[in-house]
Each structure stands twice: as structure tokens, then as C-alpha cells.
Amino acid sequence: MPTRPLLHHCDNRWSGNSDVEDNAPEVVEEVEVSGDAPKGQMSVQDALKGVLKLALIHDGLARGLRESSKALDRRQAHMCVLNENCEEDSYKKLVAALCSEHKIPLIKVQDGKQLGEWAGLCVLDREGNARKVVNCSCVVVKDWGEESQERSVIMNYFQSAE
């Protein structure tokens, strides 16, 4: 019974054929990265979208009343985003009270569907467009993820609001 090579038989470097040498240099494509980004000021809403995206990637978001209230009460939250158009007034009062009690910054947004999309409460289609977006009333950032320009804009916004 013939023995099979460990890896694919077409790749001469890995198949165990020591009599064939591969001395061809590796070709590396060089890509220029241009820094021609617009130098305009980033809006707080754009910065908030970026911060929520980074926090979602690093598993640092608490979404919904139960998760958000737990994170706020345990003082694990760095900031809170609340939907102003929430139908439950007691919901808004609870989140605002927890934020003020623990001195956690609070940002209010107008559109719950947009907040749900930013928080990842949607399904993305093949083109990357959001489908089936769920309305979200509250999102808490527990982990920023990494240092970014968006985070700096948000922190400057909080400092100027005080």
C-alpha cells in the first residue's frame, strides 16, 4: 500500500519530495495607503457609531434593559447610550437614574432602529446592508476595545458637556 504525503501532493516544498528544490523568490505586492482622508471635524454621532462598532468587536457591549442595568449597577460601564423615543418612561428614568448615581456619561439618540443597527442587533445581507434591524432602547459600553479617534471625540464631548 503506497504511503500518502502529509500535505497536498501538488506543493513540491511540502510533499516530502526532497529532490525538487523551489528557489523561486516570493512575490509580494506593495500597496500604497494614502492619507487623503477629509480633515473635517468628526461629528459626535459618527464617533458614537465607531465606538459602538469597536466595542461590539471586542465583546464590550451590553444591550437591552436587563444587561444594561446590570452593567450600570455593577459600575462596569464606561458610557451609556439611551433612545429618547422609548415608549416606557420608567425605562428612561431608571437608566438615567443609574447613570447619574454612578456618574456614568449618558448620550441620548433619536432613532432606536439606528441604535440597534450600531449595536449589532441586525442581520447583514451579502452586500453588507443591514436587514431586519431590531429597535434598541439602551446600550452600555463596558469595554472600549482599543484606542481610536472616535473614542477621543466622545471623551472630548463628555468633558465639554460638564
N, C-alpha and C. Protein backbone atom coordinates (compact mmCIF):
# COMPACT_ATOMS: atom_id res chain seq x y z
N MET A 1 0.85 -1.17 0.00
CA MET A 1 0.00 0.00 0.00
C MET A 1 0.89 1.23 0.00
N PRO A 2 0.68 2.17 -0.97
CA PRO A 2 1.54 3.36 -1.03
C PRO A 2 1.23 4.30 0.13
N THR A 3 2.25 4.98 0.58
CA THR A 3 2.06 5.96 1.65
C THR A 3 1.65 7.29 1.06
N ARG A 4 0.79 7.98 1.74
CA ARG A 4 0.32 9.27 1.28
C ARG A 4 1.20 10.37 1.85
N PRO A 5 1.44 11.43 1.10
CA PRO A 5 2.21 12.55 1.65
C PRO A 5 1.40 13.24 2.74
N LEU A 6 2.11 13.92 3.61
CA LEU A 6 1.45 14.59 4.72
C LEU A 6 0.56 15.73 4.26
N LEU A 7 1.03 16.49 3.29
CA LEU A 7 0.23 17.59 2.79
C LEU A 7 -0.09 17.35 1.33
N HIS A 8 -0.65 18.30 0.68
CA HIS A 8 -1.10 18.15 -0.69
C HIS A 8 0.06 17.80 -1.61
N HIS A 9 -0.16 16.89 -2.55
CA HIS A 9 0.90 16.38 -3.41
C HIS A 9 1.36 17.36 -4.48
N CYS A 10 0.61 18.42 -4.75
CA CYS A 10 0.99 19.37 -5.79
C CYS A 10 2.03 20.37 -5.31
N ASP A 11 2.12 20.60 -4.03
CA ASP A 11 3.06 21.56 -3.48
C ASP A 11 4.38 20.84 -3.22
N ASN A 12 5.37 21.09 -4.08
CA ASN A 12 6.63 20.36 -4.01
C ASN A 12 7.41 20.64 -2.74
N ARG A 13 7.24 21.81 -2.15
CA ARG A 13 8.01 22.14 -0.95
C ARG A 13 7.54 21.33 0.25
N TRP A 14 6.28 20.93 0.28
CA TRP A 14 5.73 20.30 1.48
C TRP A 14 5.41 18.82 1.30
N SER A 15 5.54 18.29 0.11
CA SER A 15 5.09 16.92 -0.11
C SER A 15 6.11 15.87 0.31
N GLY A 16 7.29 16.30 0.65
CA GLY A 16 8.30 15.35 1.05
C GLY A 16 9.24 15.01 -0.08
N ASN A 17 9.05 15.60 -1.27
CA ASN A 17 9.96 15.38 -2.39
C ASN A 17 11.19 16.26 -2.19
N SER A 18 12.24 15.69 -1.67
CA SER A 18 13.42 16.48 -1.37
C SER A 18 14.30 16.70 -2.60
N ASP A 19 14.04 15.94 -3.70
CA ASP A 19 14.88 16.10 -4.87
C ASP A 19 14.50 17.32 -5.70
N VAL A 20 13.33 17.93 -5.45
CA VAL A 20 12.91 19.11 -6.18
C VAL A 20 13.08 20.31 -5.26
N GLU A 21 13.87 21.27 -5.69
CA GLU A 21 14.09 22.46 -4.88
C GLU A 21 13.30 23.61 -5.47
N ASP A 22 12.72 24.42 -4.59
CA ASP A 22 11.95 25.57 -5.03
C ASP A 22 12.72 26.82 -4.64
N ASN A 23 13.46 27.38 -5.57
CA ASN A 23 14.25 28.57 -5.29
C ASN A 23 13.62 29.83 -5.85
N ALA A 24 12.37 29.78 -6.26
CA ALA A 24 11.72 30.96 -6.81
C ALA A 24 11.46 31.95 -5.69
N PRO A 25 11.80 33.22 -5.91
CA PRO A 25 11.55 34.22 -4.87
C PRO A 25 10.05 34.46 -4.71
N GLU A 26 9.65 34.76 -3.49
CA GLU A 26 8.25 35.04 -3.23
C GLU A 26 7.92 36.43 -3.73
N VAL A 27 6.79 36.57 -4.38
CA VAL A 27 6.36 37.85 -4.92
C VAL A 27 5.42 38.49 -3.90
N VAL A 28 5.76 39.70 -3.51
CA VAL A 28 4.96 40.43 -2.54
C VAL A 28 4.42 41.68 -3.22
N GLU A 29 3.10 41.85 -3.16
CA GLU A 29 2.51 43.05 -3.75
C GLU A 29 2.63 44.19 -2.77
N GLU A 30 3.03 45.34 -3.28
CA GLU A 30 3.10 46.53 -2.45
C GLU A 30 1.89 47.39 -2.76
N VAL A 31 1.23 47.83 -1.71
CA VAL A 31 0.04 48.66 -1.86
C VAL A 31 0.28 49.96 -1.12
N GLU A 32 0.03 51.06 -1.81
CA GLU A 32 0.19 52.36 -1.16
C GLU A 32 -1.08 52.69 -0.40
N VAL A 33 -0.90 53.21 0.80
CA VAL A 33 -2.01 53.66 1.61
C VAL A 33 -1.95 55.17 1.63
N SER A 34 -2.96 55.79 1.08
CA SER A 34 -2.95 57.25 1.04
C SER A 34 -3.66 57.80 2.26
N GLY A 35 -3.13 58.85 2.81
CA GLY A 35 -3.72 59.50 3.97
C GLY A 35 -4.53 60.71 3.57
N ASP A 36 -5.26 60.60 2.45
CA ASP A 36 -6.02 61.73 1.96
C ASP A 36 -7.44 61.76 2.52
N ALA A 37 -7.59 61.38 3.77
CA ALA A 37 -8.90 61.41 4.40
C ALA A 37 -9.31 62.86 4.62
N PRO A 38 -10.60 63.15 4.59
CA PRO A 38 -11.02 64.53 4.82
C PRO A 38 -10.63 64.98 6.22
N LYS A 39 -10.15 66.22 6.30
CA LYS A 39 -9.64 66.74 7.56
C LYS A 39 -10.74 67.40 8.38
N GLY A 40 -12.00 67.25 7.98
CA GLY A 40 -13.10 67.88 8.69
C GLY A 40 -13.29 67.27 10.07
N GLN A 41 -14.03 67.96 10.89
CA GLN A 41 -14.29 67.52 12.25
C GLN A 41 -15.30 66.37 12.22
N MET A 42 -15.03 65.32 12.97
CA MET A 42 -15.93 64.18 13.05
C MET A 42 -17.10 64.53 13.97
N SER A 43 -18.31 64.22 13.55
CA SER A 43 -19.46 64.51 14.38
C SER A 43 -19.54 63.51 15.53
N VAL A 44 -20.27 63.88 16.56
CA VAL A 44 -20.41 63.02 17.73
C VAL A 44 -21.17 61.75 17.34
N GLN A 45 -22.12 61.88 16.43
CA GLN A 45 -22.89 60.71 16.00
C GLN A 45 -22.01 59.72 15.23
N ASP A 46 -21.14 60.22 14.37
CA ASP A 46 -20.21 59.34 13.65
C ASP A 46 -19.24 58.68 14.61
N ALA A 47 -18.77 59.46 15.59
CA ALA A 47 -17.84 58.91 16.59
C ALA A 47 -18.54 57.84 17.42
N LEU A 48 -19.80 58.09 17.77
CA LEU A 48 -20.56 57.12 18.56
C LEU A 48 -20.73 55.81 17.78
N LYS A 49 -21.00 55.92 16.50
CA LYS A 49 -21.12 54.73 15.65
C LYS A 49 -19.82 53.93 15.65
N GLY A 50 -18.69 54.61 15.52
CA GLY A 50 -17.40 53.93 15.51
C GLY A 50 -17.07 53.30 16.84
N VAL A 51 -17.38 54.00 17.94
CA VAL A 51 -17.11 53.47 19.28
C VAL A 51 -17.93 52.21 19.53
N LEU A 52 -19.21 52.25 19.15
CA LEU A 52 -20.07 51.08 19.35
C LEU A 52 -19.61 49.90 18.49
N LYS A 53 -19.14 50.19 17.29
CA LYS A 53 -18.64 49.12 16.42
C LYS A 53 -17.40 48.46 17.02
N LEU A 54 -16.46 49.27 17.51
CA LEU A 54 -15.25 48.71 18.13
C LEU A 54 -15.58 47.93 19.39
N ALA A 55 -16.49 48.46 20.21
CA ALA A 55 -16.87 47.76 21.43
C ALA A 55 -17.58 46.45 21.11
N LEU A 56 -18.37 46.43 20.05
CA LEU A 56 -19.05 45.21 19.64
C LEU A 56 -18.05 44.16 19.19
N ILE A 57 -17.02 44.58 18.48
CA ILE A 57 -15.98 43.65 18.03
C ILE A 57 -15.26 43.03 19.22
N HIS A 58 -15.03 43.82 20.26
CA HIS A 58 -14.29 43.34 21.43
C HIS A 58 -15.21 42.81 22.53
N ASP A 59 -16.47 42.55 22.18
CA ASP A 59 -17.46 42.00 23.11
C ASP A 59 -17.60 42.87 24.35
N GLY A 60 -17.72 44.18 24.13
CA GLY A 60 -17.81 45.11 25.24
C GLY A 60 -19.12 45.86 25.31
N LEU A 61 -20.20 45.32 24.72
CA LEU A 61 -21.49 45.99 24.75
C LEU A 61 -22.49 45.22 25.60
N ALA A 62 -23.32 45.97 26.32
CA ALA A 62 -24.49 45.41 26.99
C ALA A 62 -25.70 46.05 26.33
N ARG A 63 -26.60 45.22 25.79
CA ARG A 63 -27.73 45.73 25.03
C ARG A 63 -29.02 45.31 25.70
N GLY A 64 -29.95 46.24 25.78
CA GLY A 64 -31.23 45.96 26.40
C GLY A 64 -31.26 46.36 27.86
N LEU A 65 -32.46 46.36 28.44
CA LEU A 65 -32.63 46.83 29.81
C LEU A 65 -31.92 45.95 30.82
N ARG A 66 -32.08 44.65 30.71
CA ARG A 66 -31.51 43.74 31.72
C ARG A 66 -29.99 43.82 31.75
N GLU A 67 -29.33 43.65 30.60
CA GLU A 67 -27.87 43.69 30.55
C GLU A 67 -27.36 45.08 30.93
N SER A 68 -28.01 46.11 30.42
CA SER A 68 -27.55 47.47 30.67
C SER A 68 -27.68 47.85 32.14
N SER A 69 -28.81 47.52 32.75
CA SER A 69 -28.99 47.88 34.16
C SER A 69 -28.01 47.12 35.05
N LYS A 70 -27.71 45.87 34.71
CA LYS A 70 -26.71 45.12 35.48
C LYS A 70 -25.34 45.77 35.36
N ALA A 71 -24.95 46.13 34.13
CA ALA A 71 -23.63 46.75 33.93
C ALA A 71 -23.55 48.11 34.61
N LEU A 72 -24.63 48.88 34.56
CA LEU A 72 -24.64 50.19 35.21
C LEU A 72 -24.57 50.05 36.73
N ASP A 73 -25.33 49.11 37.27
CA ASP A 73 -25.37 48.92 38.72
C ASP A 73 -24.05 48.38 39.26
N ARG A 74 -23.37 47.56 38.48
CA ARG A 74 -22.08 47.00 38.91
C ARG A 74 -20.91 47.94 38.62
N ARG A 75 -21.20 49.09 38.05
CA ARG A 75 -20.19 50.10 37.69
C ARG A 75 -19.17 49.57 36.69
N GLN A 76 -19.62 48.73 35.79
CA GLN A 76 -18.75 48.20 34.74
C GLN A 76 -18.83 49.06 33.48
N ALA A 77 -19.71 50.03 33.46
CA ALA A 77 -19.98 50.81 32.25
C ALA A 77 -19.05 52.01 32.14
N HIS A 78 -18.58 52.24 30.90
CA HIS A 78 -17.80 53.44 30.61
C HIS A 78 -18.70 54.56 30.11
N MET A 79 -19.75 54.20 29.39
CA MET A 79 -20.73 55.17 28.90
C MET A 79 -22.03 54.45 28.57
N CYS A 80 -23.10 55.22 28.46
CA CYS A 80 -24.42 54.67 28.17
C CYS A 80 -25.06 55.47 27.04
N VAL A 81 -25.77 54.78 26.16
CA VAL A 81 -26.50 55.41 25.06
C VAL A 81 -27.97 55.04 25.22
N LEU A 82 -28.83 56.05 25.28
CA LEU A 82 -30.25 55.85 25.53
C LEU A 82 -31.07 56.39 24.37
N ASN A 83 -32.08 55.66 23.97
CA ASN A 83 -33.00 56.09 22.92
C ASN A 83 -34.04 57.01 23.55
N GLU A 84 -34.13 58.25 23.06
CA GLU A 84 -35.09 59.21 23.62
C GLU A 84 -36.52 58.86 23.28
N ASN A 85 -36.75 58.14 22.20
CA ASN A 85 -38.10 57.82 21.75
C ASN A 85 -38.61 56.51 22.32
N CYS A 86 -38.05 56.06 23.42
CA CYS A 86 -38.53 54.86 24.08
C CYS A 86 -39.93 55.12 24.65
N GLU A 87 -40.82 54.15 24.48
CA GLU A 87 -42.20 54.34 24.92
C GLU A 87 -42.36 54.25 26.44
N GLU A 88 -41.50 53.51 27.10
CA GLU A 88 -41.60 53.33 28.55
C GLU A 88 -40.85 54.45 29.27
N ASP A 89 -41.59 55.31 29.95
CA ASP A 89 -40.95 56.40 30.71
C ASP A 89 -40.17 55.87 31.90
N SER A 90 -40.67 54.80 32.52
CA SER A 90 -39.96 54.23 33.67
C SER A 90 -38.60 53.66 33.25
N TYR A 91 -38.53 53.14 32.04
CA TYR A 91 -37.27 52.62 31.48
C TYR A 91 -36.25 53.75 31.41
N LYS A 92 -36.66 54.88 30.81
CA LYS A 92 -35.75 56.02 30.66
C LYS A 92 -35.34 56.58 32.02
N LYS A 93 -36.28 56.63 32.95
CA LYS A 93 -35.97 57.16 34.29
C LYS A 93 -34.98 56.26 35.02
N LEU A 94 -35.16 54.94 34.90
CA LEU A 94 -34.25 54.00 35.56
C LEU A 94 -32.83 54.14 35.03
N VAL A 95 -32.68 54.16 33.71
CA VAL A 95 -31.35 54.25 33.11
C VAL A 95 -30.70 55.58 33.45
N ALA A 96 -31.46 56.67 33.38
CA ALA A 96 -30.91 57.99 33.70
C ALA A 96 -30.52 58.06 35.18
N ALA A 97 -31.32 57.46 36.06
CA ALA A 97 -31.00 57.48 37.49
C ALA A 97 -29.74 56.67 37.79
N LEU A 98 -29.61 55.50 37.18
CA LEU A 98 -28.40 54.69 37.38
C LEU A 98 -27.16 55.41 36.87
N CYS A 99 -27.29 56.08 35.73
CA CYS A 99 -26.15 56.82 35.18
C CYS A 99 -25.75 57.98 36.08
N SER A 100 -26.73 58.71 36.58
CA SER A 100 -26.40 59.86 37.43
C SER A 100 -25.89 59.41 38.80
N GLU A 101 -26.41 58.31 39.32
CA GLU A 101 -25.96 57.81 40.62
C GLU A 101 -24.50 57.37 40.59
N HIS A 102 -24.11 56.70 39.51
CA HIS A 102 -22.74 56.17 39.42
C HIS A 102 -21.82 57.06 38.59
N LYS A 103 -22.32 58.25 38.20
CA LYS A 103 -21.55 59.22 37.42
C LYS A 103 -21.01 58.62 36.11
N ILE A 104 -21.91 57.96 35.39
CA ILE A 104 -21.58 57.37 34.09
C ILE A 104 -22.15 58.28 33.01
N PRO A 105 -21.32 58.68 32.04
CA PRO A 105 -21.80 59.58 30.98
C PRO A 105 -22.93 58.96 30.17
N LEU A 106 -23.90 59.80 29.81
CA LEU A 106 -25.09 59.35 29.09
C LEU A 106 -25.25 60.17 27.82
N ILE A 107 -25.45 59.49 26.70
CA ILE A 107 -25.75 60.14 25.43
C ILE A 107 -27.13 59.68 25.01
N LYS A 108 -27.94 60.63 24.53
CA LYS A 108 -29.28 60.29 24.06
C LYS A 108 -29.32 60.42 22.55
N VAL A 109 -29.92 59.43 21.89
CA VAL A 109 -30.09 59.43 20.44
C VAL A 109 -31.57 59.41 20.12
N GLN A 110 -31.90 59.81 18.88
CA GLN A 110 -33.30 59.93 18.49
C GLN A 110 -33.89 58.64 17.93
N ASP A 111 -33.11 57.88 17.19
CA ASP A 111 -33.64 56.75 16.44
C ASP A 111 -33.22 55.42 17.06
N GLY A 112 -34.18 54.63 17.50
CA GLY A 112 -33.89 53.34 18.11
C GLY A 112 -33.45 52.29 17.11
N LYS A 113 -33.97 52.37 15.88
CA LYS A 113 -33.55 51.43 14.83
C LYS A 113 -32.08 51.65 14.48
N GLN A 114 -31.67 52.90 14.42
CA GLN A 114 -30.28 53.21 14.12
C GLN A 114 -29.37 52.74 15.25
N LEU A 115 -29.81 52.93 16.48
CA LEU A 115 -29.04 52.46 17.63
C LEU A 115 -28.94 50.93 17.62
N GLY A 116 -30.01 50.26 17.24
CA GLY A 116 -29.98 48.81 17.12
C GLY A 116 -29.02 48.34 16.05
N GLU A 117 -28.97 49.07 14.94
CA GLU A 117 -28.02 48.72 13.87
C GLU A 117 -26.58 48.91 14.35
N TRP A 118 -26.30 50.01 15.04
CA TRP A 118 -24.95 50.28 15.55
C TRP A 118 -24.53 49.25 16.59
N ALA A 119 -25.50 48.76 17.36
CA ALA A 119 -25.20 47.80 18.43
C ALA A 119 -25.15 46.36 17.92
N GLY A 120 -25.39 46.15 16.63
CA GLY A 120 -25.29 44.82 16.07
C GLY A 120 -26.56 44.00 16.19
N LEU A 121 -27.68 44.64 16.45
CA LEU A 121 -28.95 43.92 16.56
C LEU A 121 -29.64 43.88 15.19
N CYS A 122 -28.95 43.31 14.21
CA CYS A 122 -29.48 43.23 12.87
C CYS A 122 -28.81 42.07 12.13
N VAL A 123 -29.35 41.77 10.98
CA VAL A 123 -28.78 40.74 10.11
C VAL A 123 -28.22 41.46 8.89
N LEU A 124 -26.99 41.12 8.51
CA LEU A 124 -26.37 41.73 7.34
C LEU A 124 -26.55 40.83 6.13
N ASP A 125 -26.91 41.44 4.99
CA ASP A 125 -27.04 40.65 3.76
C ASP A 125 -25.68 40.52 3.09
N ARG A 126 -25.66 39.96 1.89
CA ARG A 126 -24.39 39.69 1.20
C ARG A 126 -23.61 40.96 0.88
N GLU A 127 -24.30 42.05 0.64
CA GLU A 127 -23.62 43.31 0.32
C GLU A 127 -23.20 44.07 1.56
N GLY A 128 -23.58 43.60 2.73
CA GLY A 128 -23.22 44.27 3.98
C GLY A 128 -24.26 45.26 4.45
N ASN A 129 -25.43 45.28 3.81
CA ASN A 129 -26.50 46.18 4.23
C ASN A 129 -27.28 45.54 5.37
N ALA A 130 -27.73 46.37 6.30
CA ALA A 130 -28.46 45.87 7.46
C ALA A 130 -29.89 45.50 7.07
N ARG A 131 -30.30 44.32 7.47
CA ARG A 131 -31.67 43.84 7.27
C ARG A 131 -32.21 43.41 8.63
N LYS A 132 -33.51 43.48 8.77
CA LYS A 132 -34.18 43.04 10.00
C LYS A 132 -33.57 43.70 11.23
N VAL A 133 -33.51 45.02 11.23
CA VAL A 133 -32.93 45.76 12.34
C VAL A 133 -33.93 45.78 13.49
N VAL A 134 -33.44 45.46 14.68
CA VAL A 134 -34.27 45.45 15.88
C VAL A 134 -34.13 46.79 16.59
N ASN A 135 -35.24 47.34 17.04
CA ASN A 135 -35.23 48.59 17.78
C ASN A 135 -34.51 48.38 19.12
N CYS A 136 -33.63 49.28 19.47
CA CYS A 136 -32.88 49.17 20.72
C CYS A 136 -33.10 50.43 21.55
N SER A 137 -33.31 50.27 22.83
CA SER A 137 -33.56 51.42 23.69
C SER A 137 -32.35 51.84 24.50
N CYS A 138 -31.47 50.90 24.81
CA CYS A 138 -30.32 51.24 25.65
C CYS A 138 -29.13 50.35 25.31
N VAL A 139 -27.95 50.98 25.23
CA VAL A 139 -26.70 50.26 25.00
C VAL A 139 -25.67 50.82 25.98
N VAL A 140 -24.92 49.92 26.61
CA VAL A 140 -23.87 50.32 27.54
C VAL A 140 -22.54 49.80 27.03
N VAL A 141 -21.53 50.67 27.02
CA VAL A 141 -20.18 50.27 26.62
C VAL A 141 -19.42 49.85 27.87
N LYS A 142 -19.09 48.56 27.96
CA LYS A 142 -18.32 48.04 29.09
C LYS A 142 -16.84 47.97 28.79
N ASP A 143 -16.50 47.82 27.52
CA ASP A 143 -15.10 47.71 27.09
C ASP A 143 -14.94 48.53 25.81
N TRP A 144 -14.05 49.53 25.84
CA TRP A 144 -13.85 50.39 24.68
C TRP A 144 -13.27 49.62 23.51
N GLY A 145 -12.53 48.58 23.78
CA GLY A 145 -11.85 47.86 22.71
C GLY A 145 -10.43 48.34 22.58
N GLU A 146 -10.21 49.32 21.75
CA GLU A 146 -8.87 49.86 21.54
C GLU A 146 -8.96 51.37 21.42
N GLU A 147 -7.84 52.02 21.56
CA GLU A 147 -7.78 53.48 21.45
C GLU A 147 -8.07 53.88 20.00
N SER A 148 -8.94 54.86 19.82
CA SER A 148 -9.30 55.28 18.47
C SER A 148 -9.62 56.77 18.47
N GLN A 149 -9.70 57.32 17.28
CA GLN A 149 -10.06 58.73 17.14
C GLN A 149 -11.50 58.95 17.58
N GLU A 150 -12.37 57.99 17.31
CA GLU A 150 -13.77 58.11 17.71
C GLU A 150 -13.91 58.20 19.22
N ARG A 151 -13.13 57.39 19.93
CA ARG A 151 -13.17 57.43 21.39
C ARG A 151 -12.71 58.79 21.90
N SER A 152 -11.69 59.36 21.28
CA SER A 152 -11.20 60.68 21.69
C SER A 152 -12.27 61.75 21.49
N VAL A 153 -13.00 61.67 20.37
CA VAL A 153 -14.07 62.63 20.11
C VAL A 153 -15.16 62.51 21.16
N ILE A 154 -15.53 61.28 21.51
CA ILE A 154 -16.57 61.06 22.53
C ILE A 154 -16.10 61.58 23.89
N MET A 155 -14.85 61.30 24.26
CA MET A 155 -14.33 61.76 25.55
C MET A 155 -14.28 63.29 25.60
N ASN A 156 -13.89 63.93 24.50
CA ASN A 156 -13.89 65.40 24.44
C ASN A 156 -15.31 65.94 24.56
N TYR A 157 -16.27 65.25 23.97
CA TYR A 157 -17.67 65.66 24.07
C TYR A 157 -18.15 65.60 25.52
N PHE A 158 -17.78 64.54 26.24
CA PHE A 158 -18.18 64.42 27.64
C PHE A 158 -17.53 65.50 28.50
N GLN A 159 -16.26 65.80 28.24
CA GLN A 159 -15.56 66.82 29.02
C GLN A 159 -16.13 68.21 28.75
N SER A 160 -16.51 68.48 27.51
CA SER A 160 -17.07 69.79 27.19
C SER A 160 -18.50 69.93 27.72
N ALA A 161 -19.20 68.82 27.90
CA ALA A 161 -20.57 68.86 28.40
C ALA A 161 -20.62 69.13 29.90
N GLU A 162 -19.52 68.86 30.61
CA GLU A 162 -19.52 69.04 32.06
C GLU A 162 -19.43 70.48 32.47
